[in-house]
Amino acid sequence: MTSAQIAEYMTQYMIQFVALLVVLVIWTLTWKGIALWRSARNNQLPWFVVLLFINILGLLEIIYLAFFQRDKNKSK
């Protein structure tokens, strides 16, 4: 392998890595925004703080939204 081929391979690898990184950032910010908004609206300060500081690619946010947010019908 020549140095030009290695450089081309590394360039392609970096482009794919950056594209994946952009997708993951958009995914995480979307879920984090929804979960933070819902926890703030439901006055769930502990969840808000945890969601704000722990970042695991949206998994904690999805768990919160699926299982721990307050049901609007039950609180009224």
N, C-alpha and C. Protein backbone atom coordinates (compact mmCIF):
# COMPACT_ATOMS: atom_id res chain seq x y z
N MET A 1 0.84 -1.18 0.00
CA MET A 1 0.00 0.00 0.00
C MET A 1 0.89 1.24 0.00
N THR A 2 0.58 2.14 -0.87
CA THR A 2 1.36 3.38 -0.93
C THR A 2 0.81 4.38 0.06
N SER A 3 1.57 5.41 0.29
CA SER A 3 1.13 6.44 1.24
C SER A 3 -0.11 7.18 0.71
N ALA A 4 -0.25 7.30 -0.60
CA ALA A 4 -1.43 7.94 -1.18
C ALA A 4 -2.68 7.10 -0.93
N GLN A 5 -2.54 5.78 -1.04
CA GLN A 5 -3.68 4.90 -0.78
C GLN A 5 -4.07 4.93 0.69
N ILE A 6 -3.07 4.97 1.56
CA ILE A 6 -3.35 5.05 2.99
C ILE A 6 -4.06 6.36 3.32
N ALA A 7 -3.60 7.45 2.73
CA ALA A 7 -4.22 8.74 2.97
C ALA A 7 -5.66 8.76 2.46
N GLU A 8 -5.91 8.15 1.32
CA GLU A 8 -7.27 8.08 0.78
C GLU A 8 -8.17 7.25 1.69
N TYR A 9 -7.65 6.13 2.16
CA TYR A 9 -8.41 5.27 3.07
C TYR A 9 -8.74 6.01 4.36
N MET A 10 -7.78 6.71 4.92
CA MET A 10 -8.00 7.45 6.15
C MET A 10 -9.00 8.58 5.95
N THR A 11 -8.96 9.22 4.80
CA THR A 11 -9.92 10.28 4.50
C THR A 11 -11.34 9.73 4.44
N GLN A 12 -11.51 8.61 3.77
CA GLN A 12 -12.83 7.99 3.69
C GLN A 12 -13.30 7.56 5.09
N TYR A 13 -12.41 7.01 5.87
CA TYR A 13 -12.74 6.60 7.24
C TYR A 13 -13.18 7.79 8.08
N MET A 14 -12.48 8.90 7.98
CA MET A 14 -12.82 10.10 8.76
C MET A 14 -14.15 10.68 8.32
N ILE A 15 -14.45 10.66 7.04
CA ILE A 15 -15.74 11.15 6.56
C ILE A 15 -16.88 10.31 7.13
N GLN A 16 -16.70 9.00 7.13
CA GLN A 16 -17.73 8.12 7.69
C GLN A 16 -17.87 8.34 9.19
N PHE A 17 -16.76 8.53 9.88
CA PHE A 17 -16.79 8.77 11.32
C PHE A 17 -17.52 10.07 11.65
N VAL A 18 -17.23 11.12 10.92
CA VAL A 18 -17.89 12.40 11.15
C VAL A 18 -19.39 12.30 10.86
N ALA A 19 -19.75 11.60 9.80
CA ALA A 19 -21.17 11.43 9.48
C ALA A 19 -21.88 10.68 10.60
N LEU A 20 -21.27 9.62 11.11
CA LEU A 20 -21.87 8.88 12.22
C LEU A 20 -21.98 9.75 13.46
N LEU A 21 -20.95 10.53 13.72
CA LEU A 21 -20.97 11.42 14.87
C LEU A 21 -22.10 12.44 14.77
N VAL A 22 -22.30 13.00 13.61
CA VAL A 22 -23.38 13.98 13.41
C VAL A 22 -24.74 13.33 13.65
N VAL A 23 -24.94 12.13 13.14
CA VAL A 23 -26.20 11.41 13.34
C VAL A 23 -26.43 11.15 14.83
N LEU A 24 -25.39 10.70 15.53
CA LEU A 24 -25.53 10.43 16.97
C LEU A 24 -25.81 11.69 17.77
N VAL A 25 -25.21 12.79 17.41
CA VAL A 25 -25.46 14.06 18.11
C VAL A 25 -26.90 14.50 17.89
N ILE A 26 -27.39 14.42 16.68
CA ILE A 26 -28.78 14.80 16.40
C ILE A 26 -29.74 13.89 17.16
N TRP A 27 -29.47 12.57 17.14
CA TRP A 27 -30.29 11.59 17.87
C TRP A 27 -30.34 11.94 19.36
N THR A 28 -29.18 12.16 19.96
CA THR A 28 -29.10 12.42 21.39
C THR A 28 -29.76 13.74 21.76
N LEU A 29 -29.51 14.78 21.01
CA LEU A 29 -30.09 16.08 21.34
C LEU A 29 -31.61 16.08 21.20
N THR A 30 -32.12 15.34 20.24
CA THR A 30 -33.58 15.25 20.08
C THR A 30 -34.21 14.62 21.31
N TRP A 31 -33.72 13.44 21.72
CA TRP A 31 -34.28 12.76 22.88
C TRP A 31 -34.04 13.55 24.16
N LYS A 32 -32.86 14.14 24.31
CA LYS A 32 -32.55 14.90 25.51
C LYS A 32 -33.47 16.12 25.62
N GLY A 33 -33.70 16.80 24.53
CA GLY A 33 -34.59 17.96 24.54
C GLY A 33 -36.01 17.60 24.94
N ILE A 34 -36.53 16.53 24.38
CA ILE A 34 -37.90 16.11 24.70
C ILE A 34 -37.99 15.70 26.17
N ALA A 35 -37.03 14.90 26.64
CA ALA A 35 -37.07 14.42 28.02
C ALA A 35 -36.88 15.55 29.02
N LEU A 36 -35.96 16.48 28.75
CA LEU A 36 -35.77 17.61 29.65
C LEU A 36 -37.02 18.49 29.70
N TRP A 37 -37.62 18.72 28.57
CA TRP A 37 -38.83 19.54 28.54
C TRP A 37 -39.96 18.89 29.34
N ARG A 38 -40.16 17.59 29.14
CA ARG A 38 -41.22 16.88 29.86
C ARG A 38 -40.95 16.83 31.37
N SER A 39 -39.70 16.57 31.76
CA SER A 39 -39.41 16.51 33.19
C SER A 39 -39.57 17.88 33.84
N ALA A 40 -39.22 18.93 33.14
CA ALA A 40 -39.40 20.28 33.68
C ALA A 40 -40.88 20.62 33.80
N ARG A 41 -41.65 20.28 32.79
CA ARG A 41 -43.10 20.55 32.83
C ARG A 41 -43.80 19.76 33.93
N ASN A 42 -43.27 18.59 34.27
CA ASN A 42 -43.86 17.75 35.31
C ASN A 42 -43.26 18.02 36.69
N ASN A 43 -42.44 19.05 36.81
CA ASN A 43 -41.79 19.41 38.08
C ASN A 43 -41.05 18.23 38.69
N GLN A 44 -40.31 17.50 37.88
CA GLN A 44 -39.51 16.37 38.34
C GLN A 44 -38.03 16.77 38.32
N LEU A 45 -37.65 17.56 39.32
CA LEU A 45 -36.30 18.11 39.39
C LEU A 45 -35.21 17.03 39.41
N PRO A 46 -35.33 15.96 40.19
CA PRO A 46 -34.27 14.94 40.15
C PRO A 46 -34.06 14.36 38.75
N TRP A 47 -35.15 14.07 38.06
CA TRP A 47 -35.01 13.55 36.69
C TRP A 47 -34.38 14.58 35.78
N PHE A 48 -34.77 15.84 35.94
CA PHE A 48 -34.21 16.90 35.10
C PHE A 48 -32.69 16.97 35.26
N VAL A 49 -32.21 16.95 36.50
CA VAL A 49 -30.78 17.04 36.77
C VAL A 49 -30.05 15.82 36.21
N VAL A 50 -30.58 14.63 36.43
CA VAL A 50 -29.95 13.41 35.93
C VAL A 50 -29.90 13.43 34.40
N LEU A 51 -31.00 13.78 33.77
CA LEU A 51 -31.04 13.83 32.31
C LEU A 51 -30.10 14.89 31.73
N LEU A 52 -29.93 15.97 32.47
CA LEU A 52 -29.07 17.04 32.00
C LEU A 52 -27.60 16.64 32.00
N PHE A 53 -27.17 15.89 33.01
CA PHE A 53 -25.75 15.61 33.17
C PHE A 53 -25.29 14.25 32.68
N ILE A 54 -26.19 13.29 32.54
CA ILE A 54 -25.79 11.95 32.08
C ILE A 54 -26.15 11.82 30.61
N ASN A 55 -25.16 11.42 29.83
CA ASN A 55 -25.35 11.34 28.39
C ASN A 55 -24.97 9.95 27.90
N ILE A 56 -25.96 9.12 27.55
CA ILE A 56 -25.69 7.78 27.03
C ILE A 56 -26.50 7.55 25.76
N LEU A 57 -26.33 8.44 24.80
CA LEU A 57 -26.93 8.35 23.46
C LEU A 57 -28.45 8.24 23.48
N GLY A 58 -29.07 8.93 24.40
CA GLY A 58 -30.53 8.98 24.41
C GLY A 58 -31.21 7.83 25.11
N LEU A 59 -30.47 6.85 25.60
CA LEU A 59 -31.11 5.70 26.22
C LEU A 59 -31.83 6.06 27.51
N LEU A 60 -31.19 6.84 28.38
CA LEU A 60 -31.83 7.25 29.62
C LEU A 60 -33.06 8.10 29.34
N GLU A 61 -32.98 8.95 28.34
CA GLU A 61 -34.10 9.80 27.98
C GLU A 61 -35.29 8.97 27.50
N ILE A 62 -35.03 7.96 26.70
CA ILE A 62 -36.09 7.09 26.21
C ILE A 62 -36.72 6.31 27.36
N ILE A 63 -35.89 5.83 28.29
CA ILE A 63 -36.41 5.12 29.46
C ILE A 63 -37.30 6.04 30.28
N TYR A 64 -36.85 7.27 30.51
CA TYR A 64 -37.67 8.23 31.26
C TYR A 64 -39.01 8.47 30.56
N LEU A 65 -38.97 8.75 29.27
CA LEU A 65 -40.20 9.06 28.55
C LEU A 65 -41.15 7.86 28.51
N ALA A 66 -40.61 6.65 28.46
CA ALA A 66 -41.45 5.47 28.36
C ALA A 66 -42.04 5.05 29.71
N PHE A 67 -41.30 5.25 30.80
CA PHE A 67 -41.73 4.65 32.06
C PHE A 67 -41.91 5.61 33.24
N PHE A 68 -41.27 6.76 33.27
CA PHE A 68 -41.25 7.55 34.49
C PHE A 68 -41.91 8.93 34.41
N GLN A 69 -42.30 9.38 33.25
CA GLN A 69 -42.95 10.68 33.21
C GLN A 69 -44.37 10.54 33.77
N ARG A 70 -44.84 11.57 34.37
CA ARG A 70 -46.17 11.53 34.97
C ARG A 70 -47.23 11.53 33.90
N ASP A 71 -48.28 10.77 34.15
CA ASP A 71 -49.42 10.72 33.23
C ASP A 71 -50.29 11.95 33.49
N LYS A 72 -50.60 12.70 32.44
CA LYS A 72 -51.39 13.92 32.59
C LYS A 72 -52.78 13.62 33.14
N ASN A 73 -53.37 12.51 32.75
CA ASN A 73 -54.71 12.17 33.21
C ASN A 73 -54.76 11.83 34.70
N LYS A 74 -53.71 11.24 35.25
CA LYS A 74 -53.69 10.85 36.65
C LYS A 74 -53.45 12.03 37.57
N SER A 75 -52.72 13.06 37.10
CA SER A 75 -52.38 14.18 37.96
C SER A 75 -53.51 15.20 38.12
N LYS A 76 -54.53 15.09 37.30
CA LYS A 76 -55.64 16.06 37.38
C LYS A 76 -56.74 15.58 38.25
